[in-house]
Protein backbone atom coordinates (compact mmCIF):
# COMPACT_ATOMS: atom_id res chain seq x y z
CA MET A 1 3.21 3.05 -32.58
CA VAL A 2 3.85 3.45 -28.46
CA ASP A 3 6.31 -0.06 -27.86
CA GLN A 4 5.65 -2.18 -25.07
CA VAL A 5 8.25 -0.10 -22.54
CA GLY A 6 6.69 3.04 -23.64
CA LYS A 7 2.92 1.69 -23.12
CA GLU A 8 4.39 0.37 -19.38
CA LYS A 9 5.30 3.75 -18.21
CA ALA A 10 2.55 5.23 -19.67
CA CYS A 11 0.17 3.36 -17.55
CA GLY A 12 2.24 3.45 -14.32
CA ARG A 13 2.15 6.94 -14.57
CA ALA A 14 -1.67 7.28 -15.01
CA LEU A 15 -1.75 4.37 -12.55
CA ALA A 16 0.17 6.66 -9.81
CA GLU A 17 -1.83 9.37 -9.82
CA THR A 18 -5.08 7.47 -9.53
CA ARG A 19 -3.99 4.98 -7.02
CA LEU A 20 -0.51 4.29 -5.32
CA SER A 21 -1.41 2.06 -2.80
CA HIS A 22 2.24 0.33 -2.66
CA PRO A 23 5.15 1.92 -1.15
CA ASP A 24 7.33 4.27 -3.87
CA PRO A 25 10.85 2.73 -3.75
CA PHE A 26 12.34 6.39 -4.44
CA ARG A 27 10.88 7.80 -1.34
CA THR A 28 12.49 7.76 2.33
CA LEU A 29 10.65 4.74 3.78
CA LEU A 30 10.00 5.17 7.44
CA PRO A 31 8.63 3.03 10.25
CA ILE A 32 4.99 4.06 10.89
CA ASP A 33 5.09 5.04 14.05
CA GLN A 34 7.65 7.33 15.29
CA GLN A 35 5.60 8.74 18.29
CA GLY A 36 8.02 8.69 21.48
CA GLN A 37 11.32 8.39 19.19
CA LEU A 38 13.96 10.46 20.44
CA PRO A 39 14.52 13.36 17.78
CA SER A 40 18.13 12.29 17.50
CA LEU A 41 16.68 8.50 16.54
CA VAL A 42 14.26 9.87 14.02
CA ARG A 43 17.11 11.85 12.53
CA GLN A 44 19.00 8.98 11.99
CA LEU A 45 16.52 6.82 10.83
CA ARG A 46 15.59 9.68 8.34
CA ARG A 47 19.22 9.66 7.24
CA ARG A 48 19.15 5.94 6.71
CA GLY A 49 16.04 5.71 4.72
CA SER A 50 17.56 8.84 2.57
CA ILE A 51 20.30 6.55 1.63
CA LEU A 52 18.45 3.55 0.97
CA ALA A 53 15.93 5.70 -1.39
CA GLN A 54 18.70 6.90 -3.30
CA THR A 55 20.26 3.62 -3.55
CA ARG A 56 17.11 2.35 -5.24
CA ARG A 57 16.80 5.37 -7.40
CA LEU A 58 20.06 5.14 -8.78
CA LEU A 59 19.67 0.96 -9.36
CA ALA A 60 16.64 2.19 -11.54
CA GLU A 61 18.66 4.40 -13.15
CA GLY A 62 21.70 2.58 -14.11
CA GLY A 63 21.27 -0.86 -13.22
CA TYR A 64 23.46 -2.77 -10.51
CA GLY A 65 26.69 -2.03 -12.21
CA GLY A 66 25.73 1.60 -12.86
CA PHE A 67 26.19 2.94 -9.12
CA SER A 68 28.39 3.07 -6.70
CA LEU A 69 29.01 3.51 -2.99
CA ARG A 70 30.19 7.08 -4.45
CA GLN A 71 27.71 7.73 -5.93
CA VAL A 72 25.02 7.13 -3.43
CA SER A 73 27.11 9.37 -1.11
CA GLU A 74 26.88 12.45 -3.68
CA ARG A 75 22.73 12.00 -3.79
CA SER A 76 22.58 11.50 0.04
CA GLU A 77 25.05 14.25 0.83
CA VAL A 78 26.95 12.13 3.39
CA THR A 79 30.66 10.72 2.84
CA ALA A 80 31.15 6.91 1.26
CA GLN A 81 33.17 6.19 4.36
CA THR A 82 29.67 7.23 6.36
CA ILE A 83 27.98 4.49 4.11
CA TYR A 84 30.38 1.84 4.18
CA ASN A 85 30.44 2.07 8.07
CA SER A 86 26.37 1.75 8.23
CA PHE A 87 26.17 -0.63 5.42
CA GLY A 88 29.29 -2.30 4.33
CA THR A 89 29.89 -3.10 0.72
CA LYS A 90 27.95 -2.38 -2.39
CA GLN A 91 26.17 -5.35 -2.44
CA GLU A 92 25.23 -5.08 1.47
CA LEU A 93 23.81 -1.47 0.84
CA LEU A 94 21.62 -2.76 -2.19
CA ILE A 95 20.94 -6.08 -0.34
CA ALA A 96 19.50 -3.36 2.96
CA ALA A 97 17.51 -1.39 0.08
CA LEU A 98 15.82 -4.13 -1.74
CA ASN A 99 15.19 -5.91 2.22
CA GLU A 100 13.87 -2.49 3.24
CA TYR A 101 11.28 -2.00 0.21
CA ASN A 102 10.23 -5.58 0.53
CA ALA A 103 9.20 -4.94 4.01
CA ALA A 104 7.23 -1.77 3.09
CA VAL A 105 5.27 -4.06 0.89
CA TYR A 106 4.48 -6.57 2.99
CA GLY A 107 3.83 -4.13 5.73
CA ARG A 108 1.66 -2.38 3.52
CA VAL A 109 -0.41 -5.69 2.56
CA LYS A 110 -0.63 -6.47 6.49
CA GLN A 111 -2.08 -3.00 7.16
CA GLU A 112 -4.99 -3.28 4.71
CA ASP A 113 -5.43 -7.18 5.07
CA GLU A 114 -5.16 -10.41 6.56
CA GLY A 115 -5.40 -14.16 5.81
CA LEU A 116 -6.96 -15.23 2.37
CA LEU A 117 -6.85 -11.38 1.11
CA ALA A 118 -3.09 -10.88 2.70
CA PHE A 119 -2.04 -13.93 0.30
CA LEU A 120 -3.40 -12.56 -2.63
CA GLY A 121 -2.29 -8.91 -1.76
CA VAL A 122 1.42 -9.66 -1.75
CA ASN A 123 1.41 -10.23 -5.81
CA ALA A 124 -1.12 -7.51 -6.21
CA LYS A 125 1.52 -5.04 -4.68
CA PHE A 126 4.33 -6.23 -6.55
CA TYR A 127 2.74 -6.18 -9.75
CA GLU A 128 1.47 -2.61 -8.90
CA SER A 129 5.25 -1.70 -8.37
CA ALA A 130 6.02 -3.15 -11.76
CA LEU A 131 3.48 -1.00 -13.59
CA THR A 132 4.20 1.91 -11.48
CA ALA A 133 8.06 1.85 -11.47
CA PRO A 134 9.18 -0.72 -14.17
CA ASP A 135 12.61 0.47 -14.06
CA PHE A 136 13.08 0.05 -10.59
CA MET A 137 11.65 -3.40 -10.77
CA ARG A 138 13.14 -4.91 -13.72
CA GLU A 139 16.74 -3.61 -12.23
CA TYR A 140 15.69 -5.18 -8.80
CA ILE A 141 14.95 -8.66 -10.47
CA CYS A 142 18.16 -8.89 -13.02
CA SER A 143 20.66 -7.32 -10.08
CA LEU A 144 19.74 -10.97 -8.25
CA TYR A 145 20.80 -12.39 -10.62
CA VAL A 146 23.99 -10.20 -11.50
CA ALA A 147 25.11 -10.52 -7.72
CA GLY A 148 24.89 -13.77 -6.04
CA ASP A 149 25.24 -12.63 -2.59
CA VAL A 150 22.57 -9.88 -3.34
CA LYS A 151 20.08 -12.93 -4.17
CA GLY A 152 21.10 -14.91 -1.08
CA GLY A 153 20.55 -11.71 1.23
CA VAL A 154 17.27 -10.92 -0.21
CA TYR A 155 15.73 -14.70 -0.47
CA ARG A 156 16.18 -14.89 3.22
CA HIS A 157 14.72 -11.89 4.60
CA SER A 158 11.89 -12.91 1.82
CA ARG A 159 11.33 -15.77 3.54
CA LYS A 160 11.02 -14.66 6.91
CA LEU A 161 8.65 -11.96 5.50
CA ILE A 162 6.13 -14.64 3.81
CA SER A 163 6.21 -16.64 6.86
CA SER A 164 4.42 -13.54 8.67
CA ILE A 165 2.17 -13.51 5.57
CA MET A 166 1.25 -17.47 5.93
CA LEU A 167 0.92 -17.13 9.88
CA SER A 168 -2.23 -14.75 9.11
CA VAL A 169 -3.50 -17.56 6.81
CA VAL A 170 -2.92 -20.09 9.30
CA ASN A 171 -4.81 -17.98 11.84
CA ALA A 172 -7.32 -17.53 10.01
CA GLY A 173 -8.32 -21.53 9.50
CA VAL A 174 -9.18 -21.77 6.20
CA LEU A 175 -6.19 -24.57 5.10
CA ARG A 176 -7.23 -27.98 4.34
CA SER A 177 -5.92 -30.71 6.89
CA GLY A 178 -2.00 -31.44 6.08
CA VAL A 179 -1.08 -28.36 4.03
CA ASP A 180 2.02 -27.30 4.58
CA ALA A 181 1.78 -23.32 5.35
CA ASP A 182 5.57 -22.73 4.81
CA ALA A 183 5.75 -24.53 1.70
CA LEU A 184 2.48 -22.92 0.30
CA GLY A 185 4.12 -19.23 0.71
CA GLN A 186 7.51 -20.52 -0.51
CA THR A 187 5.74 -21.75 -3.91
CA SER A 188 3.58 -18.39 -4.16
CA PHE A 189 7.09 -16.71 -3.92
CA ARG A 190 8.52 -18.90 -6.54
CA VAL A 191 5.44 -18.64 -9.06
CA ARG A 192 6.25 -14.96 -8.62
CA ALA A 193 10.05 -14.58 -8.64
CA SER A 194 10.05 -16.79 -12.00
CA ALA A 195 7.27 -14.36 -13.45
CA MET A 196 8.94 -11.38 -12.24
CA TYR A 197 12.26 -12.41 -13.77
CA SER A 198 10.27 -13.59 -17.42
CA TRP A 199 8.76 -10.02 -17.62
CA ALA A 200 12.07 -8.11 -16.63
CA VAL A 201 14.03 -9.70 -19.18
CA GLY A 202 11.17 -9.02 -21.96
CA HIS A 203 9.95 -12.66 -22.04
CA ILE A 204 6.21 -11.41 -21.01
CA ASP A 205 4.64 -8.20 -20.88
CA HIS A 206 2.84 -6.52 -18.04
CA LYS A 207 -0.67 -8.34 -19.32
CA GLU A 208 1.30 -11.46 -19.02
CA LEU A 209 2.86 -10.73 -15.34
CA ARG A 210 -0.41 -9.71 -14.54
CA SER A 211 -1.84 -13.16 -15.49
CA GLU A 212 1.26 -15.21 -13.88
CA LEU A 213 1.21 -12.76 -10.49
CA LEU A 214 -2.60 -12.66 -9.98
CA SER A 215 -4.54 -15.80 -11.79
CA SER A 216 -2.09 -18.51 -10.87
CA ASN A 217 -1.82 -17.18 -7.27
CA ALA A 218 -5.49 -17.44 -6.54
CA TYR A 219 -5.54 -20.79 -8.46
CA LEU A 220 -2.50 -22.03 -6.15
CA LEU A 221 -4.02 -20.90 -2.79
CA LEU A 222 -7.98 -22.35 -4.17
CA GLY A 223 -6.51 -26.18 -3.91
CA ALA A 224 -5.19 -25.61 -0.54
CA LEU A 225 -8.39 -24.40 0.99
CA ARG A 226 -10.94 -26.09 2.81
CA PRO A 227 -14.21 -26.98 0.97
CA SER A 228 -15.98 -23.68 2.68
CA PRO A 229 -13.58 -21.03 2.41
CA ALA A 230 -12.85 -22.68 -1.29
CA LYS A 231 -16.24 -21.92 -2.26
CA GLU A 232 -16.07 -18.52 -0.95
CA LEU A 233 -12.84 -18.09 -2.91
CA GLU A 234 -14.17 -19.10 -5.95
CA TRP A 235 -17.50 -17.23 -5.24
CA PHE A 236 -15.20 -14.20 -5.09
CA MET A 237 -13.20 -14.78 -8.07
CA GLU A 238 -16.59 -14.95 -10.08
CA SER A 239 -17.90 -11.56 -8.25
CA LYS A 240 -17.29 -7.90 -9.63
CA ALA A 241 -15.03 -7.61 -7.23
CA GLY A 242 -12.75 -10.53 -7.78
CA GLN A 243 -12.80 -9.75 -11.15
CA ILE A 244 -11.14 -6.31 -10.97
CA TYR A 245 -8.47 -8.05 -8.77
CA LEU A 246 -7.72 -10.66 -11.17
CA SER A 247 -7.72 -7.84 -13.55
CA GLY A 248 -5.12 -5.85 -11.97
CA PRO A 249 -5.33 -2.57 -10.25
CA GLY A 250 -4.19 -1.25 -13.58
CA ALA A 251 -6.11 -3.16 -15.65
CA ALA A 252 -8.43 0.20 -16.77
CA VAL A 253 -5.66 2.29 -17.51
CA GLU A 254 -3.75 -0.67 -19.05
CA SER A 255 -7.01 -0.53 -21.77
CA SER A 256 -6.34 2.67 -23.34
CA PHE A 257 -3.16 1.69 -24.48
CA SER A 258 -3.75 -1.71 -25.83
């Protein structure tokens, strides 16, 4: 019988072949619009992106304790001194690598959706990441609890990203009077962080993670909406499209490994 981790990796590979709408953590992540930028700046961005991509790959392969600036320099074909001059310590390099990935996830969400769907879409993207890149996501989450400086740097950056999504929700005019949008966004973040940690250390499987990230987030939002948009969200959650969302992007793939 295929073990749980084996199931998740098989699900992830199948999902990656059919739908990879979230950023690949192991590829160089670049700004979407590079038109008009000087070639030297584009080269600099590509080199920086390559270093950060190799950092994420080494994190996935060996965890926080399993990579060094020297290993990153060898993979990236630049000197360790260059990496240190550009990013600083190992902790600062990892913060930059994780923040770049988070920014790419939120950027993809804002490209695709706005308002309520953007709020729901963030957790859907992180769930996809857990399915398609489980080793990276596990080590990402665990590194936050191994190195306090990394957790602080990532959380501060995440709060800014969450605020940009919540601004879209506020602009949609769907929240009840008196609802603190920032507090709602931070609560959603804490729910996600708790669920991802439970999954990363093996307390819950990927199906339970799906429920925590997707269903719980939808019901959290439901309680903050004005009556009309709340009814629309309830209708969405009961519709075929909503069931697909609540089942998660990999549900059809998962079923074959149950």
